[in-house]
Amino acid sequence: MFGYGLLNLGSLVLGLIALALPIVMLVMQHIADGRRWVMLSVVSLGACAISLCLQLFYSAHLVRIEDWSALMDTADAAAWVSAGLLVCTLALNTLALAVHRGGSPSTDERL
């Protein structure tokens, strides 16, 4: 019913979500709910993992249908972009959590 091209679209959308969530955490660091930060970080890392998994499924599909030219054309780019997504997601989540942990004190600590 739906084509395997949706795997690429899903991978792109989830990759953007994986990158956007820690940026949202950095921009909105004034919110002091610790559980929300952990949840957003877990969702970001999960979106990154699912995005990478969808890329593997798409590559497996290309192997299954023996579309060697498409596989050879996209393998290097997919590998580099996947590695970049992983590194950026981990770095942004680490930065966001470090900023949140060392961020402004809550109202209870100021009193």
PDB file of N, CA and C in Angstrom:
ATOM      1  N   MET A   1       0.836  -1.184   0.000  1.00  0.00           N
ATOM      2  CA  MET A   1       0.000   0.000   0.000  1.00  0.00           C
ATOM      3  C   MET A   1       0.884   1.253   0.000  1.00  0.00           C
ATOM      4  N   PHE A   2       1.682   1.417   1.035  1.00  0.00           N
ATOM      5  CA  PHE A   2       2.611   2.544   1.088  1.00  0.00           C
ATOM      6  C   PHE A   2       3.964   2.055   0.619  1.00  0.00           C
ATOM      7  N   GLY A   3       4.687   2.899  -0.070  1.00  0.00           N
ATOM      8  CA  GLY A   3       5.972   2.512  -0.599  1.00  0.00           C
ATOM      9  C   GLY A   3       7.073   2.558   0.455  1.00  0.00           C
ATOM     10  N   TYR A   4       8.164   1.929   0.111  1.00  0.00           N
ATOM     11  CA  TYR A   4       9.310   1.929   1.008  1.00  0.00           C
ATOM     12  C   TYR A   4       9.957   3.306   1.089  1.00  0.00           C
ATOM     13  N   GLY A   5       9.587   4.210   0.205  1.00  0.00           N
ATOM     14  CA  GLY A   5      10.087   5.575   0.282  1.00  0.00           C
ATOM     15  C   GLY A   5       9.660   6.281   1.560  1.00  0.00           C
ATOM     16  N   LEU A   6       8.554   5.808   2.167  1.00  0.00           N
ATOM     17  CA  LEU A   6       8.117   6.388   3.434  1.00  0.00           C
ATOM     18  C   LEU A   6       9.113   6.104   4.556  1.00  0.00           C
ATOM     19  N   LEU A   7       9.936   5.061   4.390  1.00  0.00           N
ATOM     20  CA  LEU A   7      10.981   4.818   5.381  1.00  0.00           C
ATOM     21  C   LEU A   7      11.959   5.990   5.424  1.00  0.00           C
ATOM     22  N   ASN A   8      12.287   6.531   4.248  1.00  0.00           N
ATOM     23  CA  ASN A   8      13.173   7.691   4.194  1.00  0.00           C
ATOM     24  C   ASN A   8      12.507   8.928   4.787  1.00  0.00           C
ATOM     25  N   LEU A   9      11.234   9.128   4.475  1.00  0.00           N
ATOM     26  CA  LEU A   9      10.511  10.263   5.018  1.00  0.00           C
ATOM     27  C   LEU A   9      10.409  10.159   6.539  1.00  0.00           C
ATOM     28  N   GLY A  10      10.066   8.983   7.024  1.00  0.00           N
ATOM     29  CA  GLY A  10       9.990   8.768   8.469  1.00  0.00           C
ATOM     30  C   GLY A  10      11.330   8.977   9.144  1.00  0.00           C
ATOM     31  N   SER A  11      12.383   8.506   8.498  1.00  0.00           N
ATOM     32  CA  SER A  11      13.724   8.685   9.040  1.00  0.00           C
ATOM     33  C   SER A  11      14.084  10.162   9.116  1.00  0.00           C
ATOM     34  N   LEU A  12      13.741  10.928   8.091  1.00  0.00           N
ATOM     35  CA  LEU A  12      14.021  12.360   8.073  1.00  0.00           C
ATOM     36  C   LEU A  12      13.255  13.080   9.182  1.00  0.00           C
ATOM     37  N   VAL A  13      11.962  12.797   9.301  1.00  0.00           N
ATOM     38  CA  VAL A  13      11.134  13.458  10.307  1.00  0.00           C
ATOM     39  C   VAL A  13      11.628  13.124  11.712  1.00  0.00           C
ATOM     40  N   LEU A  14      11.902  11.852  11.968  1.00  0.00           N
ATOM     41  CA  LEU A  14      12.379  11.462  13.298  1.00  0.00           C
ATOM     42  C   LEU A  14      13.765  12.034  13.588  1.00  0.00           C
ATOM     43  N   GLY A  15      14.604  12.135  12.566  1.00  0.00           N
ATOM     44  CA  GLY A  15      15.913  12.751  12.757  1.00  0.00           C
ATOM     45  C   GLY A  15      15.794  14.223  13.120  1.00  0.00           C
ATOM     46  N   LEU A  16      14.882  14.922  12.465  1.00  0.00           N
ATOM     47  CA  LEU A  16      14.659  16.332  12.800  1.00  0.00           C
ATOM     48  C   LEU A  16      14.095  16.489  14.205  1.00  0.00           C
ATOM     49  N   ILE A  17      13.212  15.585  14.607  1.00  0.00           N
ATOM     50  CA  ILE A  17      12.679  15.610  15.975  1.00  0.00           C
ATOM     51  C   ILE A  17      13.804  15.363  16.973  1.00  0.00           C
ATOM     52  N   ALA A  18      14.673  14.400  16.655  1.00  0.00           N
ATOM     53  CA  ALA A  18      15.790  14.084  17.548  1.00  0.00           C
ATOM     54  C   ALA A  18      16.700  15.286  17.756  1.00  0.00           C
ATOM     55  N   LEU A  19      16.867  16.107  16.730  1.00  0.00           N
ATOM     56  CA  LEU A  19      17.708  17.298  16.844  1.00  0.00           C
ATOM     57  C   LEU A  19      16.956  18.480  17.455  1.00  0.00           C
ATOM     58  N   ALA A  20      15.662  18.571  17.203  1.00  0.00           N
ATOM     59  CA  ALA A  20      14.892  19.727  17.665  1.00  0.00           C
ATOM     60  C   ALA A  20      14.627  19.687  19.169  1.00  0.00           C
ATOM     61  N   LEU A  21      14.392  18.518  19.730  1.00  0.00           N
ATOM     62  CA  LEU A  21      14.040  18.452  21.146  1.00  0.00           C
ATOM     63  C   LEU A  21      15.130  18.991  22.070  1.00  0.00           C
ATOM     64  N   PRO A  22      16.407  18.626  21.896  1.00  0.00           N
ATOM     65  CA  PRO A  22      17.405  19.231  22.781  1.00  0.00           C
ATOM     66  C   PRO A  22      17.579  20.733  22.545  1.00  0.00           C
ATOM     67  N   ILE A  23      17.336  21.193  21.322  1.00  0.00           N
ATOM     68  CA  ILE A  23      17.401  22.638  21.063  1.00  0.00           C
ATOM     69  C   ILE A  23      16.279  23.338  21.822  1.00  0.00           C
ATOM     70  N   VAL A  24      15.095  22.725  21.838  1.00  0.00           N
ATOM     71  CA  VAL A  24      13.982  23.266  22.621  1.00  0.00           C
ATOM     72  C   VAL A  24      14.360  23.282  24.104  1.00  0.00           C
ATOM     73  N   MET A  25      15.024  22.237  24.576  1.00  0.00           N
ATOM     74  CA  MET A  25      15.454  22.211  25.980  1.00  0.00           C
ATOM     75  C   MET A  25      16.430  23.350  26.272  1.00  0.00           C
ATOM     76  N   LEU A  26      17.325  23.644  25.335  1.00  0.00           N
ATOM     77  CA  LEU A  26      18.287  24.723  25.545  1.00  0.00           C
ATOM     78  C   LEU A  26      17.609  26.089  25.529  1.00  0.00           C
ATOM     79  N   VAL A  27      16.660  26.279  24.625  1.00  0.00           N
ATOM     80  CA  VAL A  27      15.974  27.565  24.519  1.00  0.00           C
ATOM     81  C   VAL A  27      15.066  27.795  25.724  1.00  0.00           C
ATOM     82  N   MET A  28      14.425  26.751  26.199  1.00  0.00           N
ATOM     83  CA  MET A  28      13.472  26.881  27.297  1.00  0.00           C
ATOM     84  C   MET A  28      14.064  26.377  28.602  1.00  0.00           C
ATOM     85  N   GLN A  29      15.301  26.731  28.902  1.00  0.00           N
ATOM     86  CA  GLN A  29      15.958  26.228  30.096  1.00  0.00           C
ATOM     87  C   GLN A  29      15.411  26.837  31.386  1.00  0.00           C
ATOM     88  N   HIS A  30      14.559  27.849  31.287  1.00  0.00           N
ATOM     89  CA  HIS A  30      13.994  28.469  32.477  1.00  0.00           C
ATOM     90  C   HIS A  30      12.931  27.593  33.138  1.00  0.00           C
ATOM     91  N   ILE A  31      12.443  26.591  32.446  1.00  0.00           N
ATOM     92  CA  ILE A  31      11.469  25.671  33.031  1.00  0.00           C
ATOM     93  C   ILE A  31      12.232  24.716  33.942  1.00  0.00           C
ATOM     94  N   ALA A  32      11.819  24.594  35.182  1.00  0.00           N
ATOM     95  CA  ALA A  32      12.606  23.879  36.185  1.00  0.00           C
ATOM     96  C   ALA A  32      12.076  22.485  36.506  1.00  0.00           C
ATOM     97  N   ASP A  33      11.319  21.880  35.636  1.00  0.00           N
ATOM     98  CA  ASP A  33      10.795  20.544  35.897  1.00  0.00           C
ATOM     99  C   ASP A  33      11.800  19.503  35.406  1.00  0.00           C
ATOM    100  N   GLY A  34      12.496  18.851  36.333  1.00  0.00           N
ATOM    101  CA  GLY A  34      13.556  17.910  35.995  1.00  0.00           C
ATOM    102  C   GLY A  34      13.069  16.697  35.229  1.00  0.00           C
ATOM    103  N   ARG A  35      11.888  16.199  35.563  1.00  0.00           N
ATOM    104  CA  ARG A  35      11.371  15.018  34.864  1.00  0.00           C
ATOM    105  C   ARG A  35      11.073  15.317  33.399  1.00  0.00           C
ATOM    106  N   ARG A  36      10.656  16.530  33.103  1.00  0.00           N
ATOM    107  CA  ARG A  36      10.361  16.907  31.719  1.00  0.00           C
ATOM    108  C   ARG A  36      11.642  16.869  30.883  1.00  0.00           C
ATOM    109  N   TRP A  37      12.758  17.328  31.445  1.00  0.00           N
ATOM    110  CA  TRP A  37      14.021  17.333  30.716  1.00  0.00           C
ATOM    111  C   TRP A  37      14.482  15.918  30.417  1.00  0.00           C
ATOM    112  N   VAL A  38      14.367  15.047  31.404  1.00  0.00           N
ATOM    113  CA  VAL A  38      14.775  13.660  31.188  1.00  0.00           C
ATOM    114  C   VAL A  38      13.888  13.005  30.145  1.00  0.00           C
ATOM    115  N   MET A  39      12.584  13.254  30.225  1.00  0.00           N
ATOM    116  CA  MET A  39      11.658  12.672  29.256  1.00  0.00           C
ATOM    117  C   MET A  39      11.963  13.157  27.833  1.00  0.00           C
ATOM    118  N   LEU A  40      12.200  14.456  27.676  1.00  0.00           N
ATOM    119  CA  LEU A  40      12.511  14.987  26.348  1.00  0.00           C
ATOM    120  C   LEU A  40      13.821  14.426  25.816  1.00  0.00           C
ATOM    121  N   SER A  41      14.774  14.227  26.684  1.00  0.00           N
ATOM    122  CA  SER A  41      16.048  13.657  26.264  1.00  0.00           C
ATOM    123  C   SER A  41      15.878  12.201  25.822  1.00  0.00           C
ATOM    124  N   VAL A  42      15.097  11.444  26.558  1.00  0.00           N
ATOM    125  CA  VAL A  42      14.840  10.048  26.189  1.00  0.00           C
ATOM    126  C   VAL A  42      14.074   9.977  24.873  1.00  0.00           C
ATOM    127  N   VAL A  43      13.093  10.859  24.681  1.00  0.00           N
ATOM    128  CA  VAL A  43      12.339  10.889  23.426  1.00  0.00           C
ATOM    129  C   VAL A  43      13.265  11.256  22.274  1.00  0.00           C
ATOM    130  N   SER A  44      14.152  12.214  22.485  1.00  0.00           N
ATOM    131  CA  SER A  44      15.099  12.619  21.447  1.00  0.00           C
ATOM    132  C   SER A  44      16.009  11.459  21.060  1.00  0.00           C
ATOM    133  N   LEU A  45      16.570  10.782  22.029  1.00  0.00           N
ATOM    134  CA  LEU A  45      17.451   9.649  21.742  1.00  0.00           C
ATOM    135  C   LEU A  45      16.682   8.496  21.093  1.00  0.00           C
ATOM    136  N   GLY A  46      15.439   8.292  21.522  1.00  0.00           N
ATOM    137  CA  GLY A  46      14.608   7.261  20.905  1.00  0.00           C
ATOM    138  C   GLY A  46      14.273   7.578  19.459  1.00  0.00           C
ATOM    139  N   ALA A  47      13.974   8.848  19.183  1.00  0.00           N
ATOM    140  CA  ALA A  47      13.697   9.257  17.801  1.00  0.00           C
ATOM    141  C   ALA A  47      14.932   9.066  16.929  1.00  0.00           C
ATOM    142  N   CYS A  48      16.101   9.358  17.476  1.00  0.00           N
ATOM    143  CA  CYS A  48      17.349   9.148  16.736  1.00  0.00           C
ATOM    144  C   CYS A  48      17.535   7.660  16.429  1.00  0.00           C
ATOM    145  N   ALA A  49      17.305   6.815  17.430  1.00  0.00           N
ATOM    146  CA  ALA A  49      17.471   5.373  17.237  1.00  0.00           C
ATOM    147  C   ALA A  49      16.500   4.831  16.194  1.00  0.00           C
ATOM    148  N   ILE A  50      15.253   5.249  16.251  1.00  0.00           N
ATOM    149  CA  ILE A  50      14.258   4.774  15.285  1.00  0.00           C
ATOM    150  C   ILE A  50      14.597   5.292  13.885  1.00  0.00           C
ATOM    151  N   SER A  51      15.065   6.537  13.798  1.00  0.00           N
ATOM    152  CA  SER A  51      15.467   7.097  12.510  1.00  0.00           C
ATOM    153  C   SER A  51      16.583   6.272  11.879  1.00  0.00           C
ATOM    154  N   LEU A  52      17.588   5.924  12.667  1.00  0.00           N
ATOM    155  CA  LEU A  52      18.684   5.108  12.157  1.00  0.00           C
ATOM    156  C   LEU A  52      18.209   3.708  11.773  1.00  0.00           C
ATOM    157  N   CYS A  53      17.280   3.161  12.549  1.00  0.00           N
ATOM    158  CA  CYS A  53      16.728   1.845  12.249  1.00  0.00           C
ATOM    159  C   CYS A  53      15.957   1.864  10.923  1.00  0.00           C
ATOM    160  N   LEU A  54      15.214   2.927  10.669  1.00  0.00           N
ATOM    161  CA  LEU A  54      14.480   3.024   9.402  1.00  0.00           C
ATOM    162  C   LEU A  54      15.437   3.074   8.224  1.00  0.00           C
ATOM    163  N   GLN A  55      16.583   3.724   8.392  1.00  0.00           N
ATOM    164  CA  GLN A  55      17.582   3.733   7.325  1.00  0.00           C
ATOM    165  C   GLN A  55      18.118   2.328   7.060  1.00  0.00           C
ATOM    166  N   LEU A  56      18.327   1.560   8.117  1.00  0.00           N
ATOM    167  CA  LEU A  56      18.775   0.172   7.936  1.00  0.00           C
ATOM    168  C   LEU A  56      17.723  -0.658   7.209  1.00  0.00           C
ATOM    169  N   PHE A  57      16.454  -0.452   7.563  1.00  0.00           N
ATOM    170  CA  PHE A  57      15.384  -1.178   6.882  1.00  0.00           C
ATOM    171  C   PHE A  57      15.323  -0.814   5.401  1.00  0.00           C
ATOM    172  N   TYR A  58      15.545   0.473   5.082  1.00  0.00           N
ATOM    173  CA  TYR A  58      15.520   0.882   3.683  1.00  0.00           C
ATOM    174  C   TYR A  58      16.687   0.263   2.913  1.00  0.00           C
ATOM    175  N   SER A  59      17.861   0.238   3.527  1.00  0.00           N
ATOM    176  CA  SER A  59      19.013  -0.407   2.876  1.00  0.00           C
ATOM    177  C   SER A  59      18.754  -1.901   2.680  1.00  0.00           C
ATOM    178  N   ALA A  60      18.152  -2.535   3.661  1.00  0.00           N
ATOM    179  CA  ALA A  60      17.817  -3.952   3.526  1.00  0.00           C
ATOM    180  C   ALA A  60      16.812  -4.170   2.397  1.00  0.00           C
ATOM    181  N   HIS A  61      15.871  -3.239   2.249  1.00  0.00           N
ATOM    182  CA  HIS A  61      14.905  -3.331   1.157  1.00  0.00           C
ATOM    183  C   HIS A  61      15.612  -3.244  -0.195  1.00  0.00           C
ATOM    184  N   LEU A  62      16.577  -2.330  -0.305  1.00  0.00           N
ATOM    185  CA  LEU A  62      17.315  -2.208  -1.565  1.00  0.00           C
ATOM    186  C   LEU A  62      18.097  -3.481  -1.877  1.00  0.00           C
ATOM    187  N   VAL A  63      18.645  -4.118  -0.852  1.00  0.00           N
ATOM    188  CA  VAL A  63      19.349  -5.385  -1.063  1.00  0.00           C
ATOM    189  C   VAL A  63      18.359  -6.464  -1.488  1.00  0.00           C
ATOM    190  N   ARG A  64      17.200  -6.506  -0.820  1.00  0.00           N
ATOM    191  CA  ARG A  64      16.194  -7.529  -1.114  1.00  0.00           C
ATOM    192  C   ARG A  64      15.708  -7.444  -2.560  1.00  0.00           C
ATOM    193  N   ILE A  65      15.531  -6.225  -3.069  1.00  0.00           N
ATOM    194  CA  ILE A  65      15.048  -6.088  -4.449  1.00  0.00           C
ATOM    195  C   ILE A  65      16.210  -6.017  -5.440  1.00  0.00           C
ATOM    196  N   GLU A  66      17.414  -6.159  -4.925  1.00  0.00           N
ATOM    197  CA  GLU A  66      18.640  -6.189  -5.731  1.00  0.00           C
ATOM    198  C   GLU A  66      18.815  -4.919  -6.570  1.00  0.00           C
ATOM    199  N   ASP A  67      18.534  -3.792  -5.956  1.00  0.00           N
ATOM    200  CA  ASP A  67      18.742  -2.496  -6.613  1.00  0.00           C
ATOM    201  C   ASP A  67      20.133  -1.997  -6.217  1.00  0.00           C
ATOM    202  N   TRP A  68      21.134  -2.630  -6.812  1.00  0.00           N
ATOM    203  CA  TRP A  68      22.518  -2.371  -6.424  1.00  0.00           C
ATOM    204  C   TRP A  68      22.950  -0.952  -6.747  1.00  0.00           C
ATOM    205  N   SER A  69      22.472  -0.396  -7.847  1.00  0.00           N
ATOM    206  CA  SER A  69      22.884   0.966  -8.204  1.00  0.00           C
ATOM    207  C   SER A  69      22.359   1.977  -7.180  1.00  0.00           C
ATOM    208  N   ALA A  70      21.125   1.816  -6.735  1.00  0.00           N
ATOM    209  CA  ALA A  70      20.578   2.723  -5.718  1.00  0.00           C
ATOM    210  C   ALA A  70      21.329   2.556  -4.401  1.00  0.00           C
ATOM    211  N   LEU A  71      21.648   1.322  -4.059  1.00  0.00           N
ATOM    212  CA  LEU A  71      22.385   1.068  -2.821  1.00  0.00           C
ATOM    213  C   LEU A  71      23.776   1.688  -2.880  1.00  0.00           C
ATOM    214  N   MET A  72      24.454   1.514  -4.009  1.00  0.00           N
ATOM    215  CA  MET A  72      25.797   2.082  -4.149  1.00  0.00           C
ATOM    216  C   MET A  72      25.760   3.608  -4.190  1.00  0.00           C
ATOM    217  N   ASP A  73      24.711   4.183  -4.759  1.00  0.00           N
ATOM    218  CA  ASP A  73      24.599   5.634  -4.836  1.00  0.00           C
ATOM    219  C   ASP A  73      24.333   6.271  -3.472  1.00  0.00           C
ATOM    220  N   THR A  74      23.616   5.565  -2.611  1.00  0.00           N
ATOM    221  CA  THR A  74      23.171   6.183  -1.363  1.00  0.00           C
ATOM    222  C   THR A  74      23.894   5.688  -0.121  1.00  0.00           C
ATOM    223  N   ALA A  75      24.662   4.618  -0.197  1.00  0.00           N
ATOM    224  CA  ALA A  75      25.247   4.006   0.996  1.00  0.00           C
ATOM    225  C   ALA A  75      26.186   4.953   1.741  1.00  0.00           C
ATOM    226  N   ASP A  76      27.107   5.588   1.029  1.00  0.00           N
ATOM    227  CA  ASP A  76      28.056   6.480   1.702  1.00  0.00           C
ATOM    228  C   ASP A  76      27.360   7.678   2.333  1.00  0.00           C
ATOM    229  N   ALA A  77      26.464   8.301   1.602  1.00  0.00           N
ATOM    230  CA  ALA A  77      25.754   9.462   2.145  1.00  0.00           C
ATOM    231  C   ALA A  77      24.907   9.072   3.347  1.00  0.00           C
ATOM    232  N   ALA A  78      24.217   7.947   3.256  1.00  0.00           N
ATOM    233  CA  ALA A  78      23.388   7.501   4.379  1.00  0.00           C
ATOM    234  C   ALA A  78      24.242   7.215   5.606  1.00  0.00           C
ATOM    235  N   ALA A  79      25.410   6.623   5.410  1.00  0.00           N
ATOM    236  CA  ALA A  79      26.296   6.327   6.536  1.00  0.00           C
ATOM    237  C   ALA A  79      26.797   7.609   7.197  1.00  0.00           C
ATOM    238  N   TRP A  80      27.232   8.578   6.392  1.00  0.00           N
ATOM    239  CA  TRP A  80      27.752   9.823   6.955  1.00  0.00           C
ATOM    240  C   TRP A  80      26.660  10.650   7.626  1.00  0.00           C
ATOM    241  N   VAL A  81      25.498  10.716   7.012  1.00  0.00           N
ATOM    242  CA  VAL A  81      24.401  11.478   7.607  1.00  0.00           C
ATOM    243  C   VAL A  81      23.918  10.802   8.887  1.00  0.00           C
ATOM    244  N   SER A  82      23.878   9.482   8.897  1.00  0.00           N
ATOM    245  CA  SER A  82      23.479   8.753  10.105  1.00  0.00           C
ATOM    246  C   SER A  82      24.471   8.987  11.237  1.00  0.00           C
ATOM    247  N   ALA A  83      25.750   8.947  10.913  1.00  0.00           N
ATOM    248  CA  ALA A  83      26.770   9.212  11.930  1.00  0.00           C
ATOM    249  C   ALA A  83      26.656  10.644  12.445  1.00  0.00           C
ATOM    250  N   GLY A  84      26.426  11.588  11.544  1.00  0.00           N
ATOM    251  CA  GLY A  84      26.258  12.980  11.955  1.00  0.00           C
ATOM    252  C   GLY A  84      25.046  13.175  12.843  1.00  0.00           C
ATOM    253  N   LEU A  85      23.940  12.515  12.496  1.00  0.00           N
ATOM    254  CA  LEU A  85      22.733  12.599  13.315  1.00  0.00           C
ATOM    255  C   LEU A  85      23.006  12.066  14.711  1.00  0.00           C
ATOM    256  N   LEU A  86      23.673  10.928  14.796  1.00  0.00           N
ATOM    257  CA  LEU A  86      23.963  10.340  16.098  1.00  0.00           C
ATOM    258  C   LEU A  86      24.859  11.248  16.934  1.00  0.00           C
ATOM    259  N   VAL A  87      25.936  11.741  16.346  1.00  0.00           N
ATOM    260  CA  VAL A  87      26.876  12.599  17.079  1.00  0.00           C
ATOM    261  C   VAL A  87      26.197  13.891  17.514  1.00  0.00           C
ATOM    262  N   CYS A  88      25.459  14.527  16.614  1.00  0.00           N
ATOM    263  CA  CYS A  88      24.785  15.786  16.961  1.00  0.00           C
ATOM    264  C   CYS A  88      23.714  15.580  18.023  1.00  0.00           C
ATOM    265  N   THR A  89      22.955  14.503  17.915  1.00  0.00           N
ATOM    266  CA  THR A  89      21.916  14.230  18.910  1.00  0.00           C
ATOM    267  C   THR A  89      22.528  13.995  20.282  1.00  0.00           C
ATOM    268  N   LEU A  90      23.581  13.193  20.341  1.00  0.00           N
ATOM    269  CA  LEU A  90      24.241  12.945  21.629  1.00  0.00           C
ATOM    270  C   LEU A  90      24.845  14.231  22.193  1.00  0.00           C
ATOM    271  N   ALA A  91      25.497  15.025  21.344  1.00  0.00           N
ATOM    272  CA  ALA A  91      26.122  16.265  21.809  1.00  0.00           C
ATOM    273  C   ALA A  91      25.072  17.269  22.297  1.00  0.00           C
ATOM    274  N   LEU A  92      23.998  17.436  21.540  1.00  0.00           N
ATOM    275  CA  LEU A  92      22.965  18.385  21.939  1.00  0.00           C
ATOM    276  C   LEU A  92      22.256  17.952  23.222  1.00  0.00           C
ATOM    277  N   ASN A  93      21.975  16.655  23.351  1.00  0.00           N
ATOM    278  CA  ASN A  93      21.340  16.177  24.574  1.00  0.00           C
ATOM    279  C   ASN A  93      22.265  16.324  25.773  1.00  0.00           C
ATOM    280  N   THR A  94      23.544  16.036  25.590  1.00  0.00           N
ATOM    281  CA  THR A  94      24.510  16.208  26.676  1.00  0.00           C
ATOM    282  C   THR A  94      24.602  17.668  27.084  1.00  0.00           C
ATOM    283  N   LEU A  95      24.676  18.555  26.103  1.00  0.00           N
ATOM    284  CA  LEU A  95      24.738  19.986  26.383  1.00  0.00           C
ATOM    285  C   LEU A  95      23.471  20.462  27.083  1.00  0.00           C
ATOM    286  N   ALA A  96      22.317  20.054  26.599  1.00  0.00           N
ATOM    287  CA  ALA A  96      21.054  20.483  27.199  1.00  0.00           C
ATOM    288  C   ALA A  96      20.926  19.992  28.635  1.00  0.00           C
ATOM    289  N   LEU A  97      21.305  18.754  28.880  1.00  0.00           N
ATOM    290  CA  LEU A  97      21.216  18.244  30.240  1.00  0.00           C
ATOM    291  C   LEU A  97      22.258  18.899  31.149  1.00  0.00           C
ATOM    292  N   ALA A  98      23.442  19.191  30.626  1.00  0.00           N
ATOM    293  CA  ALA A  98      24.472  19.873  31.425  1.00  0.00           C
ATOM    294  C   ALA A  98      24.019  21.289  31.775  1.00  0.00           C
ATOM    295  N   VAL A  99      23.433  21.989  30.818  1.00  0.00           N
ATOM    296  CA  VAL A  99      22.936  23.342  31.078  1.00  0.00           C
ATOM    297  C   VAL A  99      21.799  23.290  32.085  1.00  0.00           C
ATOM    298  N   HIS A 100      20.933  22.312  31.949  1.00  0.00           N
ATOM    299  CA  HIS A 100      19.799  22.208  32.872  1.00  0.00           C
ATOM    300  C   HIS A 100      20.277  21.872  34.276  1.00  0.00           C
ATOM    301  N   ARG A 101      21.200  20.945  34.401  1.00  0.00           N
ATOM    302  CA  ARG A 101      21.711  20.558  35.728  1.00  0.00           C
ATOM    303  C   ARG A 101      22.454  21.704  36.393  1.00  0.00           C
ATOM    304  N   GLY A 102      23.186  22.473  35.620  1.00  0.00           N
ATOM    305  CA  GLY A 102      23.945  23.586  36.168  1.00  0.00           C
ATOM    306  C   GLY A 102      23.254  24.921  35.994  1.00  0.00           C
ATOM    307  N   GLY A 103      21.978  24.881  35.615  1.00  0.00           N
ATOM    308  CA  GLY A 103      21.233  26.096  35.304  1.00  0.00           C
ATOM    309  C   GLY A 103      20.840  26.883  36.534  1.00  0.00           C
ATOM    310  N   SER A 104      19.878  27.762  36.360  1.00  0.00           N
ATOM    311  CA  SER A 104      19.462  28.646  37.440  1.00  0.00           C
ATOM    312  C   SER A 104      18.784  27.859  38.550  1.00  0.00           C
ATOM    313  N   PRO A 105      18.992  28.269  39.792  1.00  0.00           N
ATOM    314  CA  PRO A 105      18.370  27.568  40.906  1.00  0.00           C
ATOM    315  C   PRO A 105      16.854  27.748  40.897  1.00  0.00           C
ATOM    316  N   SER A 106      16.176  26.762  41.464  1.00  0.00           N
ATOM    317  CA  SER A 106      14.728  26.849  41.527  1.00  0.00           C
ATOM    318  C   SER A 106      14.333  27.858  42.595  1.00  0.00           C
ATOM    319  N   THR A 107      13.056  28.169  42.686  1.00  0.00           N
ATOM    320  CA  THR A 107      12.591  29.157  43.653  1.00  0.00           C
ATOM    321  C   THR A 107      12.844  28.708  45.083  1.00  0.00           C
ATOM    322  N   ASP A 108      12.797  27.408  45.363  1.00  0.00           N
ATOM    323  CA  ASP A 108      13.053  26.905  46.710  1.00  0.00           C
ATOM    324  C   ASP A 108      14.498  27.144  47.125  1.00  0.00           C
ATOM    325  N   GLU A 109      15.434  27.006  46.188  1.00  0.00           N
ATOM    326  CA  GLU A 109      16.842  27.176  46.512  1.00  0.00           C
ATOM    327  C   GLU A 109      17.200  28.640  46.695  1.00  0.00           C
ATOM    328  N   ARG A 110      16.436  29.561  46.122  1.00  0.00           N
ATOM    329  CA  ARG A 110      16.730  30.980  46.242  1.00  0.00           C
ATOM    330  C   ARG A 110      16.327  31.523  47.602  1.00  0.00           C
ATOM    331  N   LEU A 111      15.405  30.869  48.266  1.00  0.00           N
ATOM    332  CA  LEU A 111      14.908  31.373  49.563  1.00  0.00           C
ATOM    333  C   LEU A 111      15.807  31.064  50.688  1.00  0.00           C
TER     334      LEU A 111
END
